[in-house]
Protein backbone atom coordinates (compact mmCIF):
# COMPACT_ATOMS: atom_id res chain seq x y z
CA MET A 1 -43.38 -0.76 -29.51
CA THR A 2 -41.47 -3.23 -27.34
CA ILE A 3 -39.78 -1.89 -24.21
CA PRO A 4 -37.10 -4.08 -22.60
CA GLY A 5 -37.89 -5.44 -19.15
CA ASP A 6 -36.06 -7.61 -16.63
CA MET A 7 -33.38 -10.05 -17.73
CA VAL A 8 -34.17 -13.75 -17.91
CA ASN A 9 -31.64 -15.10 -15.40
CA PHE A 10 -32.90 -18.53 -14.32
CA LEU A 11 -34.69 -21.63 -15.61
CA LEU A 12 -36.59 -24.28 -13.66
CA ILE A 13 -37.28 -27.76 -15.03
CA GLY A 14 -40.20 -29.59 -13.46
CA SER A 15 -43.97 -29.79 -13.16
CA GLU A 16 -46.15 -26.82 -12.26
CA ASP A 17 -47.02 -28.43 -8.94
CA ALA A 18 -43.33 -29.04 -8.12
CA MET A 19 -42.46 -25.44 -9.06
CA GLN A 20 -45.14 -24.08 -6.73
CA LYS A 21 -44.10 -26.41 -3.90
CA VAL A 22 -40.41 -25.47 -4.05
CA PHE A 23 -41.15 -21.73 -3.93
CA THR A 24 -43.62 -22.16 -1.07
CA ALA A 25 -41.17 -24.38 0.86
CA ALA A 26 -38.47 -21.72 0.39
CA GLY A 27 -40.70 -19.03 1.92
CA TRP A 28 -41.65 -17.25 -1.30
CA VAL A 29 -45.18 -15.80 -1.51
CA LYS A 30 -47.31 -15.84 -4.67
CA VAL A 31 -47.98 -12.33 -5.99
CA ASP A 32 -50.89 -11.05 -8.05
CA ALA A 33 -50.13 -9.33 -11.36
CA ASP A 34 -52.86 -6.66 -11.02
CA VAL A 35 -51.09 -3.32 -10.66
CA ARG A 36 -54.01 -0.91 -10.14
CA GLY A 37 -53.13 1.23 -7.14
CA THR A 38 -50.02 -0.85 -6.47
CA VAL A 39 -47.54 1.78 -5.32
CA LEU A 40 -49.89 3.76 -3.08
CA ARG A 41 -51.34 0.60 -1.54
CA GLY A 42 -47.83 -0.79 -1.10
CA ILE A 43 -46.60 2.29 0.73
CA ILE A 44 -49.67 2.38 2.97
CA GLU A 45 -49.70 -1.35 3.70
CA SER A 46 -45.94 -1.91 3.84
CA ILE A 47 -46.07 -1.91 7.62
CA SER A 48 -47.15 -5.54 7.24
CA LYS A 49 -44.67 -7.98 5.70
CA GLU A 50 -47.45 -10.01 4.05
CA SER A 51 -49.06 -6.91 2.52
CA TYR A 52 -45.78 -5.70 1.10
CA LEU A 53 -44.75 -9.10 -0.23
CA THR A 54 -48.04 -9.65 -2.03
CA MET A 55 -48.04 -6.16 -3.53
CA PRO A 56 -48.79 -6.75 -7.23
CA MET A 57 -46.09 -6.69 -9.88
CA SER A 58 -46.47 -5.03 -13.23
CA PRO A 59 -46.88 -7.46 -16.11
CA LEU A 60 -43.85 -8.20 -18.26
CA TYR A 61 -44.18 -10.18 -21.47
CA LEU A 62 -42.34 -13.24 -22.78
CA PHE A 63 -43.59 -15.77 -25.33
CA GLY A 64 -46.24 -13.19 -26.27
CA ARG A 65 -47.94 -13.14 -22.86
CA SER A 66 -47.68 -11.81 -19.33
CA GLN A 67 -45.95 -13.85 -16.62
CA ASP A 68 -47.74 -16.96 -15.39
CA TYR A 69 -46.57 -16.46 -11.80
CA GLY A 70 -45.02 -13.81 -9.64
CA TRP A 71 -43.24 -14.68 -6.38
CA ALA A 72 -41.77 -12.45 -3.65
CA HIS A 73 -39.52 -12.94 -0.63
CA ALA A 74 -38.30 -10.38 1.91
CA GLU A 75 -36.16 -10.08 4.99
CA PRO A 76 -38.46 -9.22 7.92
CA ILE A 77 -36.40 -6.21 9.01
CA ARG A 78 -36.16 -4.60 5.57
CA VAL A 79 -39.73 -5.11 4.40
CA VAL A 80 -40.57 -1.50 3.52
CA ALA A 81 -37.98 -0.89 0.81
CA SER A 82 -36.55 -4.32 0.05
CA ARG A 83 -38.27 -7.20 -1.70
CA ASN A 84 -36.82 -10.07 -3.70
CA HIS A 85 -39.18 -10.82 -6.52
CA LEU A 86 -39.40 -12.77 -9.72
CA ARG A 87 -41.65 -13.53 -12.61
CA ILE A 88 -42.02 -16.96 -14.24
CA TRP A 89 -43.36 -17.95 -17.64
CA LYS A 90 -44.17 -21.49 -18.76
CA ALA A 91 -42.15 -22.06 -21.94
CA PRO A 92 -44.14 -23.11 -25.03
CA PHE A 93 -41.86 -26.17 -25.34
CA GLU A 94 -40.49 -28.87 -23.04
CA ILE A 95 -36.99 -30.11 -22.14
CA ASP A 96 -36.73 -33.92 -22.11
CA ARG A 97 -40.55 -34.09 -21.85
CA GLN A 98 -40.53 -31.89 -18.75
CA THR A 99 -42.02 -28.42 -18.28
CA LEU A 100 -39.57 -25.55 -18.59
CA TRP A 101 -40.17 -22.42 -16.50
CA VAL A 102 -38.31 -19.28 -17.58
CA GLY A 103 -37.69 -16.70 -14.86
CA ALA A 104 -36.54 -13.13 -14.32
CA ALA A 105 -35.52 -12.28 -10.76
CA THR A 106 -34.68 -8.84 -9.36
CA HIS A 107 -34.25 -7.28 -5.93
CA ASP A 108 -36.23 -4.15 -5.06
CA VAL A 109 -33.98 -1.88 -3.00
CA GLY A 110 -36.11 1.27 -2.79
CA PHE A 111 -38.26 3.57 -4.87
CA ASP A 112 -37.39 5.55 -7.99
CA ARG A 113 -38.98 7.67 -10.72
CA ASP A 114 -40.62 5.69 -13.53
CA GLU A 115 -39.19 7.22 -16.71
CA ARG A 116 -42.21 6.03 -18.72
CA ASN A 117 -44.77 8.14 -16.88
CA ASP A 118 -42.97 10.15 -14.15
CA GLY A 119 -44.71 7.99 -11.53
CA ILE A 120 -43.13 6.09 -8.65
CA THR A 121 -41.74 2.61 -9.15
CA HIS A 122 -39.43 0.21 -7.38
CA LYS A 123 -35.71 0.63 -7.88
CA ILE A 124 -33.87 -2.65 -8.42
CA ASP A 125 -30.36 -3.56 -7.34
CA PRO A 126 -28.37 -3.13 -10.56
CA ASP A 127 -26.27 -6.26 -9.76
CA ILE A 128 -28.95 -8.75 -10.77
CA ASP A 129 -26.53 -11.67 -10.44
CA LEU A 130 -26.94 -11.31 -6.67
CA GLU A 131 -30.66 -11.96 -7.06
CA ARG A 132 -30.01 -14.98 -9.28
CA GLU A 133 -27.77 -16.34 -6.49
CA TYR A 134 -30.47 -15.56 -3.91
CA VAL A 135 -32.98 -17.63 -5.90
CA GLU A 136 -30.48 -20.50 -6.01
CA LYS A 137 -29.72 -20.26 -2.27
CA THR A 138 -33.35 -20.15 -1.12
CA LEU A 139 -34.56 -22.93 -3.44
CA THR A 140 -31.65 -25.33 -2.91
CA ALA A 141 -32.01 -24.93 0.87
CA THR A 142 -35.37 -26.74 0.59
CA GLY A 143 -33.71 -30.00 -0.48
CA LEU A 144 -36.18 -30.14 -3.41
CA ILE A 145 -33.65 -29.34 -6.15
CA ALA A 146 -32.07 -32.33 -7.91
CA GLU A 147 -29.51 -30.49 -10.07
CA VAL A 148 -27.95 -27.03 -10.30
CA ALA A 149 -26.10 -25.77 -13.38
CA TYR A 150 -25.25 -22.53 -15.17
CA ALA A 151 -25.27 -21.74 -18.87
CA LEU A 152 -23.67 -18.82 -20.68
CA PRO A 153 -25.77 -18.17 -23.78
CA ALA A 154 -24.11 -16.92 -26.95
CA ASN A 155 -24.49 -13.13 -27.11
CA SER A 156 -25.46 -13.11 -23.42
CA LEU A 157 -26.87 -9.91 -21.95
CA LYS A 158 -24.33 -8.08 -19.78
CA GLU A 159 -25.84 -4.58 -19.41
CA ALA A 160 -29.32 -3.21 -20.09
CA ARG A 161 -32.13 -0.99 -18.86
CA THR A 162 -35.44 -1.99 -17.31
CA ALA A 163 -38.85 -0.96 -18.66
CA THR A 164 -38.94 1.84 -16.06
CA GLY A 165 -35.51 3.23 -17.01
CA GLY A 166 -33.25 1.68 -14.38
CA SER A 167 -30.00 0.05 -15.44
CA PHE A 168 -28.58 -3.34 -14.49
CA HIS A 169 -25.56 -5.51 -15.19
CA SER A 170 -24.79 -9.23 -15.19
CA ASP A 171 -22.09 -11.76 -16.04
CA GLY A 172 -24.68 -13.13 -18.51
CA ARG A 173 -25.01 -16.59 -16.99
CA VAL A 174 -28.41 -18.24 -16.58
CA LEU A 175 -29.08 -20.46 -13.55
CA ILE A 176 -30.68 -23.83 -14.33
CA LEU A 177 -32.46 -25.71 -11.55
CA LYS A 178 -33.94 -29.17 -12.06
CA LEU A 179 -36.61 -30.05 -9.51
CA ASN A 180 -36.73 -33.45 -7.83
CA ALA A 181 -39.18 -35.61 -9.79
CA ALA A 182 -41.03 -36.70 -6.62
CA VAL A 183 -41.74 -33.11 -5.49
CA GLY A 184 -44.72 -32.61 -7.78
CA GLY A 185 -46.90 -35.20 -6.11
CA ILE A 186 -47.02 -38.94 -6.37
CA SER A 187 -43.73 -40.45 -7.44
CA ALA A 188 -43.46 -43.35 -9.86
CA ARG A 189 -43.20 -45.81 -6.97
CA SER A 190 -46.15 -44.46 -5.01
CA SER A 191 -49.43 -46.22 -5.56
CA ASN A 192 -52.41 -47.47 -3.64
CA GLN A 193 -50.61 -50.72 -2.95
CA HIS A 194 -49.71 -51.37 0.69
């Protein structure tokens, strides 16, 4: 049985190295996908920003597999209950011979009951467009984004529920960010020539 999860709300075009560099430059922290003991450990360790940010995310599936990367970002003052986080999957196809990364970003705003198992889970801000805009703002501020665009897919998702039972809404647009070609390492002009 397939249970809906978070909405795909952004795409990144660029190499894996460039993708990692832009998130790191924007202050995002890589998150593990192992969820054993996540909530309890998160509550206990949430006194530390780093501990809370790196608290594992549950796996969500796209292209038949769990996310390739999870990233988190938080405001220092609101660490305990608030965390911006996203999952990214490498698409099984390329765009103009470049890697396509498909992402789902949400903003944790507290804790809620997980309708699947009556456990505790994060509650997300139901206005997920705000999180899409947050991703754009933090990544473009690095100067490592070459192009920004939006697409409105046919039959775009406007309202849905998460895997844990929370609801969310969107205008349906998907953010598209193209990374600067030189971000991923050596550019075409760079060589060992002096």
